[in-house]
Amino acid sequence: SSPCAPVGTFCAFQYPAYKGHIITMVACQTRDIPWNGSGSWINNQT
């Protein structure tokens, strides 16, 4: 959870249960998701 702990962060995790590589987004943007299959995400934005 640490990369997504600050409020204002969206995290996309490569695998389920918040595992694997992580893409974090803090500024308003559109970002490519480079993987397929089961994954997970945390929306800890405002």
ModelCIF file with pLDDT and N, C-alpha, C, O atoms, coordinates in Angstrom:
data_MODEL
#
_entry.id   MODEL 
#
_entity.id                         1 
_entity.type                       polymer 
_entity.pdbx_number_of_molecules   1 
#
_entity_poly.entity_id                      1 
_entity_poly.type                           'polypeptide(L)' 
_entity_poly.nstd_linkage                   no 
_entity_poly.nstd_monomer                   no 
_entity_poly.pdbx_seq_one_letter_code       SSPCAPVGTFCAFQYPAYKGHIITMVACQTRDIPWNGSGSWINNQT 
_entity_poly.pdbx_seq_one_letter_code_can   SSPCAPVGTFCAFQYPAYKGHIITMVACQTRDIPWNGSGSWINNQT 
_entity_poly.pdbx_strand_id                 A 
#
loop_
_entity_poly_seq.entity_id 
_entity_poly_seq.num 
_entity_poly_seq.mon_id 
_entity_poly_seq.hetero 
1 1  SER n 
1 2  SER n 
1 3  PRO n 
1 4  CYS n 
1 5  ALA n 
1 6  PRO n 
1 7  VAL n 
1 8  GLY n 
1 9  THR n 
1 10 PHE n 
1 11 CYS n 
1 12 ALA n 
1 13 PHE n 
1 14 GLN n 
1 15 TYR n 
1 16 PRO n 
1 17 ALA n 
1 18 TYR n 
1 19 LYS n 
1 20 GLY n 
1 21 HIS n 
1 22 ILE n 
1 23 ILE n 
1 24 THR n 
1 25 MET n 
1 26 VAL n 
1 27 ALA n 
1 28 CYS n 
1 29 GLN n 
1 30 THR n 
1 31 ARG n 
1 32 ASP n 
1 33 ILE n 
1 34 PRO n 
1 35 TRP n 
1 36 ASN n 
1 37 GLY n 
1 38 SER n 
1 39 GLY n 
1 40 SER n 
1 41 TRP n 
1 42 ILE n 
1 43 ASN n 
1 44 ASN n 
1 45 GLN n 
1 46 THR n 
#
_struct_asym.id          A 
_struct_asym.entity_id   1 
#
loop_
_ma_qa_metric.id 
_ma_qa_metric.mode 
_ma_qa_metric.name 
_ma_qa_metric.software_group_id 
_ma_qa_metric.type 
1 global pLDDT . pLDDT 
2 local  pLDDT . pLDDT 
#
_ma_qa_metric_global.metric_id      1 
_ma_qa_metric_global.metric_value   93.09 
_ma_qa_metric_global.model_id       1 
_ma_qa_metric_global.ordinal_id     1 
#
loop_
_ma_qa_metric_local.label_asym_id 
_ma_qa_metric_local.label_comp_id 
_ma_qa_metric_local.label_seq_id 
_ma_qa_metric_local.metric_id 
_ma_qa_metric_local.metric_value 
_ma_qa_metric_local.model_id 
_ma_qa_metric_local.ordinal_id 
A SER 1  2 60.00 1 1  
A SER 2  2 75.00 1 2  
A PRO 3  2 82.00 1 3  
A CYS 4  2 88.00 1 4  
A ALA 5  2 86.00 1 5  
A PRO 6  2 83.00 1 6  
A VAL 7  2 90.00 1 7  
A GLY 8  2 93.00 1 8  
A THR 9  2 95.00 1 9  
A PHE 10 2 96.00 1 10 
A CYS 11 2 96.00 1 11 
A ALA 12 2 97.00 1 12 
A PHE 13 2 96.00 1 13 
A GLN 14 2 97.00 1 14 
A TYR 15 2 97.00 1 15 
A PRO 16 2 97.00 1 16 
A ALA 17 2 95.00 1 17 
A TYR 18 2 94.00 1 18 
A LYS 19 2 94.00 1 19 
A GLY 20 2 95.00 1 20 
A HIS 21 2 95.00 1 21 
A ILE 22 2 96.00 1 22 
A ILE 23 2 96.00 1 23 
A THR 24 2 95.00 1 24 
A MET 25 2 95.00 1 25 
A VAL 26 2 93.00 1 26 
A ALA 27 2 90.00 1 27 
A CYS 28 2 92.00 1 28 
A GLN 29 2 92.00 1 29 
A THR 30 2 95.00 1 30 
A ARG 31 2 95.00 1 31 
A ASP 32 2 96.00 1 32 
A ILE 33 2 97.00 1 33 
A PRO 34 2 96.00 1 34 
A TRP 35 2 94.00 1 35 
A ASN 36 2 95.00 1 36 
A GLY 37 2 97.00 1 37 
A SER 38 2 98.00 1 38 
A GLY 39 2 98.00 1 39 
A SER 40 2 97.00 1 40 
A TRP 41 2 97.00 1 41 
A ILE 42 2 96.00 1 42 
A ASN 43 2 96.00 1 43 
A ASN 44 2 96.00 1 44 
A GLN 45 2 95.00 1 45 
A THR 46 2 94.00 1 46 
#
loop_
_atom_site.group_PDB 
_atom_site.id 
_atom_site.type_symbol 
_atom_site.label_atom_id 
_atom_site.label_alt_id 
_atom_site.label_comp_id 
_atom_site.label_asym_id 
_atom_site.label_entity_id 
_atom_site.label_seq_id 
_atom_site.pdbx_PDB_ins_code 
_atom_site.Cartn_x 
_atom_site.Cartn_y 
_atom_site.Cartn_z 
_atom_site.occupancy 
_atom_site.B_iso_or_equiv 
_atom_site.pdbx_formal_charge 
_atom_site.auth_seq_id 
_atom_site.auth_comp_id 
_atom_site.auth_asym_id 
_atom_site.auth_atom_id 
_atom_site.pdbx_PDB_model_num 
ATOM 1   N N  . SER A 1 1  ? 0.804   -1.221  0.000   1.00 60.00 ? 1  SER A N  1 
ATOM 2   C CA . SER A 1 1  ? 0.000   0.000   0.000   1.00 60.00 ? 1  SER A CA 1 
ATOM 3   C C  . SER A 1 1  ? 0.840   1.276   0.000   1.00 60.00 ? 1  SER A C  1 
ATOM 4   O O  . SER A 1 1  ? 0.294   2.346   -0.268  1.00 60.00 ? 1  SER A O  1 
ATOM 5   N N  . SER A 1 2  ? 2.133   1.214   0.286   1.00 75.00 ? 2  SER A N  1 
ATOM 6   C CA . SER A 1 2  ? 2.916   2.432   0.485   1.00 75.00 ? 2  SER A CA 1 
ATOM 7   C C  . SER A 1 2  ? 2.965   3.373   -0.714  1.00 75.00 ? 2  SER A C  1 
ATOM 8   O O  . SER A 1 2  ? 2.900   4.585   -0.505  1.00 75.00 ? 2  SER A O  1 
ATOM 9   N N  . PRO A 1 3  ? 3.076   2.900   -1.964  1.00 82.00 ? 3  PRO A N  1 
ATOM 10  C CA . PRO A 1 3  ? 3.089   3.869   -3.062  1.00 82.00 ? 3  PRO A CA 1 
ATOM 11  C C  . PRO A 1 3  ? 1.752   4.592   -3.224  1.00 82.00 ? 3  PRO A C  1 
ATOM 12  O O  . PRO A 1 3  ? 1.687   5.660   -3.833  1.00 82.00 ? 3  PRO A O  1 
ATOM 13  N N  . CYS A 1 4  ? 0.685   4.006   -2.675  1.00 88.00 ? 4  CYS A N  1 
ATOM 14  C CA . CYS A 1 4  ? -0.643  4.599   -2.813  1.00 88.00 ? 4  CYS A CA 1 
ATOM 15  C C  . CYS A 1 4  ? -1.117  5.258   -1.540  1.00 88.00 ? 4  CYS A C  1 
ATOM 16  O O  . CYS A 1 4  ? -2.252  5.730   -1.474  1.00 88.00 ? 4  CYS A O  1 
ATOM 17  N N  . ALA A 1 5  ? -0.266  5.301   -0.520  1.00 86.00 ? 5  ALA A N  1 
ATOM 18  C CA . ALA A 1 5  ? -0.672  5.856   0.767   1.00 86.00 ? 5  ALA A CA 1 
ATOM 19  C C  . ALA A 1 5  ? -0.959  7.354   0.701   1.00 86.00 ? 5  ALA A C  1 
ATOM 20  O O  . ALA A 1 5  ? -1.910  7.807   1.337   1.00 86.00 ? 5  ALA A O  1 
ATOM 21  N N  . PRO A 1 6  ? -0.181  8.141   -0.038  1.00 83.00 ? 6  PRO A N  1 
ATOM 22  C CA . PRO A 1 6  ? -0.521  9.565   -0.037  1.00 83.00 ? 6  PRO A CA 1 
ATOM 23  C C  . PRO A 1 6  ? -1.862  9.801   -0.742  1.00 83.00 ? 6  PRO A C  1 
ATOM 24  O O  . PRO A 1 6  ? -2.100  9.294   -1.838  1.00 83.00 ? 6  PRO A O  1 
ATOM 25  N N  . VAL A 1 7  ? -2.733  10.584  -0.088  1.00 90.00 ? 7  VAL A N  1 
ATOM 26  C CA . VAL A 1 7  ? -3.998  10.945  -0.743  1.00 90.00 ? 7  VAL A CA 1 
ATOM 27  C C  . VAL A 1 7  ? -3.649  11.708  -2.008  1.00 90.00 ? 7  VAL A C  1 
ATOM 28  O O  . VAL A 1 7  ? -2.753  12.552  -2.002  1.00 90.00 ? 7  VAL A O  1 
ATOM 29  N N  . GLY A 1 8  ? -4.347  11.414  -3.083  1.00 93.00 ? 8  GLY A N  1 
ATOM 30  C CA . GLY A 1 8  ? -4.093  12.038  -4.367  1.00 93.00 ? 8  GLY A CA 1 
ATOM 31  C C  . GLY A 1 8  ? -3.452  11.083  -5.353  1.00 93.00 ? 8  GLY A C  1 
ATOM 32  O O  . GLY A 1 8  ? -3.023  11.502  -6.429  1.00 93.00 ? 8  GLY A O  1 
ATOM 33  N N  . THR A 1 9  ? -3.378  9.794   -5.003  1.00 95.00 ? 9  THR A N  1 
ATOM 34  C CA . THR A 1 9  ? -2.677  8.813   -5.825  1.00 95.00 ? 9  THR A CA 1 
ATOM 35  C C  . THR A 1 9  ? -3.624  7.736   -6.343  1.00 95.00 ? 9  THR A C  1 
ATOM 36  O O  . THR A 1 9  ? -4.481  7.248   -5.606  1.00 95.00 ? 9  THR A O  1 
ATOM 37  N N  . PHE A 1 10 ? -3.468  7.372   -7.601  1.00 96.00 ? 10 PHE A N  1 
ATOM 38  C CA . PHE A 1 10 ? -4.124  6.195   -8.182  1.00 96.00 ? 10 PHE A CA 1 
ATOM 39  C C  . PHE A 1 10 ? -3.019  5.212   -8.524  1.00 96.00 ? 10 PHE A C  1 
ATOM 40  O O  . PHE A 1 10 ? -2.022  5.589   -9.140  1.00 96.00 ? 10 PHE A O  1 
ATOM 41  N N  . CYS A 1 11 ? -3.187  3.943   -8.129  1.00 96.00 ? 11 CYS A N  1 
ATOM 42  C CA . CYS A 1 11 ? -2.184  2.918   -8.414  1.00 96.00 ? 11 CYS A CA 1 
ATOM 43  C C  . CYS A 1 11 ? -2.779  1.763   -9.202  1.00 96.00 ? 11 CYS A C  1 
ATOM 44  O O  . CYS A 1 11 ? -3.836  1.239   -8.850  1.00 96.00 ? 11 CYS A O  1 
ATOM 45  N N  . ALA A 1 12 ? -2.107  1.376   -10.254 1.00 97.00 ? 12 ALA A N  1 
ATOM 46  C CA . ALA A 1 12 ? -2.456  0.193   -11.036 1.00 97.00 ? 12 ALA A CA 1 
ATOM 47  C C  . ALA A 1 12 ? -1.383  -0.857  -10.761 1.00 97.00 ? 12 ALA A C  1 
ATOM 48  O O  . ALA A 1 12 ? -0.194  -0.606  -10.958 1.00 97.00 ? 12 ALA A O  1 
ATOM 49  N N  . PHE A 1 13 ? -1.812  -2.040  -10.302 1.00 96.00 ? 13 PHE A N  1 
ATOM 50  C CA . PHE A 1 13 ? -0.894  -3.127  -9.965  1.00 96.00 ? 13 PHE A CA 1 
ATOM 51  C C  . PHE A 1 13 ? -0.963  -4.199  -11.044 1.00 96.00 ? 13 PHE A C  1 
ATOM 52  O O  . PHE A 1 13 ? -2.041  -4.511  -11.549 1.00 96.00 ? 13 PHE A O  1 
ATOM 53  N N  . GLN A 1 14 ? 0.155   -4.744  -11.385 1.00 97.00 ? 14 GLN A N  1 
ATOM 54  C CA . GLN A 1 14 ? 0.245   -5.758  -12.432 1.00 97.00 ? 14 GLN A CA 1 
ATOM 55  C C  . GLN A 1 14 ? -0.568  -7.007  -12.096 1.00 97.00 ? 14 GLN A C  1 
ATOM 56  O O  . GLN A 1 14 ? -1.184  -7.595  -12.985 1.00 97.00 ? 14 GLN A O  1 
ATOM 57  N N  . TYR A 1 15 ? -0.578  -7.418  -10.836 1.00 97.00 ? 15 TYR A N  1 
ATOM 58  C CA . TYR A 1 15 ? -1.223  -8.669  -10.432 1.00 97.00 ? 15 TYR A CA 1 
ATOM 59  C C  . TYR A 1 15 ? -2.295  -8.435  -9.366  1.00 97.00 ? 15 TYR A C  1 
ATOM 60  O O  . TYR A 1 15 ? -2.340  -7.369  -8.754  1.00 97.00 ? 15 TYR A O  1 
ATOM 61  N N  . PRO A 1 16 ? -3.153  -9.429  -9.146  1.00 97.00 ? 16 PRO A N  1 
ATOM 62  C CA . PRO A 1 16 ? -4.156  -9.311  -8.078  1.00 97.00 ? 16 PRO A CA 1 
ATOM 63  C C  . PRO A 1 16 ? -3.482  -9.148  -6.710  1.00 97.00 ? 16 PRO A C  1 
ATOM 64  O O  . PRO A 1 16 ? -2.289  -9.403  -6.546  1.00 97.00 ? 16 PRO A O  1 
ATOM 65  N N  . ALA A 1 17 ? -4.276  -8.721  -5.752  1.00 95.00 ? 17 ALA A N  1 
ATOM 66  C CA . ALA A 1 17 ? -3.847  -8.556  -4.359  1.00 95.00 ? 17 ALA A CA 1 
ATOM 67  C C  . ALA A 1 17 ? -2.732  -7.523  -4.231  1.00 95.00 ? 17 ALA A C  1 
ATOM 68  O O  . ALA A 1 17 ? -1.901  -7.614  -3.327  1.00 95.00 ? 17 ALA A O  1 
ATOM 69  N N  . TYR A 1 18 ? -2.711  -6.527  -5.145  1.00 94.00 ? 18 TYR A N  1 
ATOM 70  C CA . TYR A 1 18 ? -1.784  -5.407  -5.074  1.00 94.00 ? 18 TYR A CA 1 
ATOM 71  C C  . TYR A 1 18 ? -0.327  -5.860  -5.136  1.00 94.00 ? 18 TYR A C  1 
ATOM 72  O O  . TYR A 1 18 ? 0.511   -5.412  -4.354  1.00 94.00 ? 18 TYR A O  1 
ATOM 73  N N  . LYS A 1 19 ? -0.045  -6.753  -6.076  1.00 94.00 ? 19 LYS A N  1 
ATOM 74  C CA . LYS A 1 19 ? 1.301   -7.308  -6.243  1.00 94.00 ? 19 LYS A CA 1 
ATOM 75  C C  . LYS A 1 19 ? 1.848   -7.001  -7.631  1.00 94.00 ? 19 LYS A C  1 
ATOM 76  O O  . LYS A 1 19 ? 1.116   -6.610  -8.540  1.00 94.00 ? 19 LYS A O  1 
ATOM 77  N N  . GLY A 1 20 ? 3.155   -7.191  -7.764  1.00 95.00 ? 20 GLY A N  1 
ATOM 78  C CA . GLY A 1 20 ? 3.832   -6.992  -9.045  1.00 95.00 ? 20 GLY A CA 1 
ATOM 79  C C  . GLY A 1 20 ? 4.235   -5.547  -9.258  1.00 95.00 ? 20 GLY A C  1 
ATOM 80  O O  . GLY A 1 20 ? 4.328   -4.768  -8.310  1.00 95.00 ? 20 GLY A O  1 
ATOM 81  N N  . HIS A 1 21 ? 4.473   -5.196  -10.510 1.00 95.00 ? 21 HIS A N  1 
ATOM 82  C CA . HIS A 1 21 ? 4.847   -3.828  -10.872 1.00 95.00 ? 21 HIS A CA 1 
ATOM 83  C C  . HIS A 1 21 ? 3.688   -2.895  -10.538 1.00 95.00 ? 21 HIS A C  1 
ATOM 84  O O  . HIS A 1 21 ? 2.529   -3.309  -10.501 1.00 95.00 ? 21 HIS A O  1 
ATOM 85  N N  . ILE A 1 22 ? 4.022   -1.627  -10.297 1.00 96.00 ? 22 ILE A N  1 
ATOM 86  C CA . ILE A 1 22 ? 3.009   -0.636  -9.943  1.00 96.00 ? 22 ILE A CA 1 
ATOM 87  C C  . ILE A 1 22 ? 3.202   0.615   -10.799 1.00 96.00 ? 22 ILE A C  1 
ATOM 88  O O  . ILE A 1 22 ? 4.321   1.097   -10.977 1.00 96.00 ? 22 ILE A O  1 
ATOM 89  N N  . ILE A 1 23 ? 2.095   1.127   -11.321 1.00 96.00 ? 23 ILE A N  1 
ATOM 90  C CA . ILE A 1 23 ? 2.091   2.449   -11.950 1.00 96.00 ? 23 ILE A CA 1 
ATOM 91  C C  . ILE A 1 23 ? 1.316   3.362   -11.011 1.00 96.00 ? 23 ILE A C  1 
ATOM 92  O O  . ILE A 1 23 ? 0.159   3.089   -10.690 1.00 96.00 ? 23 ILE A O  1 
ATOM 93  N N  . THR A 1 24 ? 1.953   4.449   -10.570 1.00 95.00 ? 24 THR A N  1 
ATOM 94  C CA . THR A 1 24 ? 1.265   5.426   -9.731  1.00 95.00 ? 24 THR A CA 1 
ATOM 95  C C  . THR A 1 24 ? 1.026   6.687   -10.548 1.00 95.00 ? 24 THR A C  1 
ATOM 96  O O  . THR A 1 24 ? 1.860   7.091   -11.358 1.00 95.00 ? 24 THR A O  1 
ATOM 97  N N  . MET A 1 25 ? -0.124  7.295   -10.319 1.00 95.00 ? 25 MET A N  1 
ATOM 98  C CA . MET A 1 25 ? -0.486  8.523   -11.012 1.00 95.00 ? 25 MET A CA 1 
ATOM 99  C C  . MET A 1 25 ? -0.917  9.538   -9.961  1.00 95.00 ? 25 MET A C  1 
ATOM 100 O O  . MET A 1 25 ? -1.804  9.258   -9.155  1.00 95.00 ? 25 MET A O  1 
ATOM 101 N N  . VAL A 1 26 ? -0.296  10.712  -9.966  1.00 93.00 ? 26 VAL A N  1 
ATOM 102 C CA . VAL A 1 26 ? -0.684  11.760  -9.038  1.00 93.00 ? 26 VAL A CA 1 
ATOM 103 C C  . VAL A 1 26 ? -1.223  12.987  -9.761  1.00 93.00 ? 26 VAL A C  1 
ATOM 104 O O  . VAL A 1 26 ? -2.145  13.627  -9.257  1.00 93.00 ? 26 VAL A O  1 
ATOM 105 N N  . ALA A 1 27 ? -0.695  13.330  -10.896 1.00 90.00 ? 27 ALA A N  1 
ATOM 106 C CA . ALA A 1 27 ? -1.217  14.438  -11.687 1.00 90.00 ? 27 ALA A CA 1 
ATOM 107 C C  . ALA A 1 27 ? -2.322  13.898  -12.586 1.00 90.00 ? 27 ALA A C  1 
ATOM 108 O O  . ALA A 1 27 ? -2.321  12.721  -12.946 1.00 90.00 ? 27 ALA A O  1 
ATOM 109 N N  . CYS A 1 28 ? -3.251  14.754  -12.940 1.00 92.00 ? 28 CYS A N  1 
ATOM 110 C CA . CYS A 1 28 ? -4.338  14.354  -13.832 1.00 92.00 ? 28 CYS A CA 1 
ATOM 111 C C  . CYS A 1 28 ? -3.737  14.004  -15.196 1.00 92.00 ? 28 CYS A C  1 
ATOM 112 O O  . CYS A 1 28 ? -3.142  14.854  -15.857 1.00 92.00 ? 28 CYS A O  1 
ATOM 113 N N  . GLN A 1 29 ? -3.900  12.747  -15.605 1.00 92.00 ? 29 GLN A N  1 
ATOM 114 C CA . GLN A 1 29 ? -3.285  12.282  -16.845 1.00 92.00 ? 29 GLN A CA 1 
ATOM 115 C C  . GLN A 1 29 ? -3.948  11.001  -17.329 1.00 92.00 ? 29 GLN A C  1 
ATOM 116 O O  . GLN A 1 29 ? -4.744  10.385  -16.620 1.00 92.00 ? 29 GLN A O  1 
ATOM 117 N N  . THR A 1 30 ? -3.608  10.620  -18.535 1.00 95.00 ? 30 THR A N  1 
ATOM 118 C CA . THR A 1 30 ? -3.998  9.320   -19.073 1.00 95.00 ? 30 THR A CA 1 
ATOM 119 C C  . THR A 1 30 ? -2.706  8.543   -19.288 1.00 95.00 ? 30 THR A C  1 
ATOM 120 O O  . THR A 1 30 ? -1.766  9.039   -19.909 1.00 95.00 ? 30 THR A O  1 
ATOM 121 N N  . ARG A 1 31 ? -2.669  7.329   -18.772 1.00 95.00 ? 31 ARG A N  1 
ATOM 122 C CA . ARG A 1 31 ? -1.446  6.528   -18.801 1.00 95.00 ? 31 ARG A CA 1 
ATOM 123 C C  . ARG A 1 31 ? -1.739  5.173   -19.416 1.00 95.00 ? 31 ARG A C  1 
ATOM 124 O O  . ARG A 1 31 ? -2.775  4.575   -19.125 1.00 95.00 ? 31 ARG A O  1 
ATOM 125 N N  . ASP A 1 32 ? -0.843  4.677   -20.265 1.00 96.00 ? 32 ASP A N  1 
ATOM 126 C CA . ASP A 1 32 ? -0.969  3.332   -20.831 1.00 96.00 ? 32 ASP A CA 1 
ATOM 127 C C  . ASP A 1 32 ? -0.828  2.289   -19.734 1.00 96.00 ? 32 ASP A C  1 
ATOM 128 O O  . ASP A 1 32 ? -0.040  2.449   -18.802 1.00 96.00 ? 32 ASP A O  1 
ATOM 129 N N  . ILE A 1 33 ? -1.604  1.219   -19.860 1.00 97.00 ? 33 ILE A N  1 
ATOM 130 C CA . ILE A 1 33 ? -1.469  0.064   -18.971 1.00 97.00 ? 33 ILE A CA 1 
ATOM 131 C C  . ILE A 1 33 ? -0.809  -1.027  -19.813 1.00 97.00 ? 33 ILE A C  1 
ATOM 132 O O  . ILE A 1 33 ? -1.410  -1.512  -20.772 1.00 97.00 ? 33 ILE A O  1 
ATOM 133 N N  . PRO A 1 34 ? 0.419   -1.418  -19.468 1.00 96.00 ? 34 PRO A N  1 
ATOM 134 C CA . PRO A 1 34 ? 1.203   -2.286  -20.343 1.00 96.00 ? 34 PRO A CA 1 
ATOM 135 C C  . PRO A 1 34 ? 1.055   -3.780  -20.108 1.00 96.00 ? 34 PRO A C  1 
ATOM 136 O O  . PRO A 1 34 ? 1.829   -4.558  -20.666 1.00 96.00 ? 34 PRO A O  1 
ATOM 137 N N  . TRP A 1 35 ? 0.096   -4.209  -19.307 1.00 94.00 ? 35 TRP A N  1 
ATOM 138 C CA . TRP A 1 35 ? -0.016  -5.640  -19.035 1.00 94.00 ? 35 TRP A CA 1 
ATOM 139 C C  . TRP A 1 35 ? -1.439  -6.134  -19.249 1.00 94.00 ? 35 TRP A C  1 
ATOM 140 O O  . TRP A 1 35 ? -2.375  -5.341  -19.345 1.00 94.00 ? 35 TRP A O  1 
ATOM 141 N N  . ASN A 1 36 ? -1.592  -7.445  -19.321 1.00 95.00 ? 36 ASN A N  1 
ATOM 142 C CA . ASN A 1 36 ? -2.879  -8.109  -19.521 1.00 95.00 ? 36 ASN A CA 1 
ATOM 143 C C  . ASN A 1 36 ? -3.122  -9.068  -18.373 1.00 95.00 ? 36 ASN A C  1 
ATOM 144 O O  . ASN A 1 36 ? -2.220  -9.372  -17.592 1.00 95.00 ? 36 ASN A O  1 
ATOM 145 N N  . GLY A 1 37 ? -4.356  -9.540  -18.283 1.00 97.00 ? 37 GLY A N  1 
ATOM 146 C CA . GLY A 1 37 ? -4.688  -10.539 -17.273 1.00 97.00 ? 37 GLY A CA 1 
ATOM 147 C C  . GLY A 1 37 ? -5.171  -9.912  -15.988 1.00 97.00 ? 37 GLY A C  1 
ATOM 148 O O  . GLY A 1 37 ? -5.475  -8.721  -15.926 1.00 97.00 ? 37 GLY A O  1 
ATOM 149 N N  . SER A 1 38 ? -5.234  -10.737 -14.972 1.00 98.00 ? 38 SER A N  1 
ATOM 150 C CA . SER A 1 38 ? -5.736  -10.295 -13.673 1.00 98.00 ? 38 SER A CA 1 
ATOM 151 C C  . SER A 1 38 ? -4.763  -9.328  -13.026 1.00 98.00 ? 38 SER A C  1 
ATOM 152 O O  . SER A 1 38 ? -3.550  -9.529  -13.070 1.00 98.00 ? 38 SER A O  1 
ATOM 153 N N  . GLY A 1 39 ? -5.299  -8.282  -12.427 1.00 98.00 ? 39 GLY A N  1 
ATOM 154 C CA . GLY A 1 39 ? -4.506  -7.285  -11.731 1.00 98.00 ? 39 GLY A CA 1 
ATOM 155 C C  . GLY A 1 39 ? -5.333  -6.662  -10.630 1.00 98.00 ? 39 GLY A C  1 
ATOM 156 O O  . GLY A 1 39 ? -6.335  -7.234  -10.199 1.00 98.00 ? 39 GLY A O  1 
ATOM 157 N N  . SER A 1 40 ? -4.926  -5.504  -10.174 1.00 97.00 ? 40 SER A N  1 
ATOM 158 C CA . SER A 1 40 ? -5.647  -4.813  -9.109  1.00 97.00 ? 40 SER A CA 1 
ATOM 159 C C  . SER A 1 40 ? -5.348  -3.321  -9.184  1.00 97.00 ? 40 SER A C  1 
ATOM 160 O O  . SER A 1 40 ? -4.436  -2.891  -9.890  1.00 97.00 ? 40 SER A O  1 
ATOM 161 N N  . TRP A 1 41 ? -6.129  -2.540  -8.447  1.00 97.00 ? 41 TRP A N  1 
ATOM 162 C CA . TRP A 1 41 ? -5.906  -1.097  -8.415  1.00 97.00 ? 41 TRP A CA 1 
ATOM 163 C C  . TRP A 1 41 ? -6.392  -0.513  -7.090  1.00 97.00 ? 41 TRP A C  1 
ATOM 164 O O  . TRP A 1 41 ? -7.243  -1.088  -6.411  1.00 97.00 ? 41 TRP A O  1 
ATOM 165 N N  . ILE A 1 42 ? -5.831  0.637   -6.743  1.00 96.00 ? 42 ILE A N  1 
ATOM 166 C CA . ILE A 1 42 ? -6.250  1.419   -5.580  1.00 96.00 ? 42 ILE A CA 1 
ATOM 167 C C  . ILE A 1 42 ? -6.462  2.851   -6.043  1.00 96.00 ? 42 ILE A C  1 
ATOM 168 O O  . ILE A 1 42 ? -5.581  3.452   -6.658  1.00 96.00 ? 42 ILE A O  1 
ATOM 169 N N  . ASN A 1 43 ? -7.633  3.390   -5.744  1.00 96.00 ? 43 ASN A N  1 
ATOM 170 C CA . ASN A 1 43 ? -7.957  4.778   -6.053  1.00 96.00 ? 43 ASN A CA 1 
ATOM 171 C C  . ASN A 1 43 ? -7.957  5.545   -4.733  1.00 96.00 ? 43 ASN A C  1 
ATOM 172 O O  . ASN A 1 43 ? -8.957  5.557   -4.016  1.00 96.00 ? 43 ASN A O  1 
ATOM 173 N N  . ASN A 1 44 ? -6.837  6.182   -4.417  1.00 96.00 ? 44 ASN A N  1 
ATOM 174 C CA . ASN A 1 44 ? -6.694  6.951   -3.178  1.00 96.00 ? 44 ASN A CA 1 
ATOM 175 C C  . ASN A 1 44 ? -6.523  8.427   -3.507  1.00 96.00 ? 44 ASN A C  1 
ATOM 176 O O  . ASN A 1 44 ? -5.726  9.133   -2.889  1.00 96.00 ? 44 ASN A O  1 
ATOM 177 N N  . GLN A 1 45 ? -7.291  8.877   -4.497  1.00 95.00 ? 45 GLN A N  1 
ATOM 178 C CA . GLN A 1 45 ? -7.233  10.278  -4.874  1.00 95.00 ? 45 GLN A CA 1 
ATOM 179 C C  . GLN A 1 45 ? -8.076  11.090  -3.894  1.00 95.00 ? 45 GLN A C  1 
ATOM 180 O O  . GLN A 1 45 ? -8.545  10.555  -2.890  1.00 95.00 ? 45 GLN A O  1 
ATOM 181 N N  . THR A 1 46 ? -8.266  12.348  -4.174  1.00 94.00 ? 46 THR A N  1 
ATOM 182 C CA . THR A 1 46 ? -9.098  13.144  -3.275  1.00 94.00 ? 46 THR A CA 1 
ATOM 183 C C  . THR A 1 46 ? -10.488 12.530  -3.228  1.00 94.00 ? 46 THR A C  1 
ATOM 184 O O  . THR A 1 46 ? -11.364 13.039  -2.528  1.00 94.00 ? 46 THR A O  1 
#
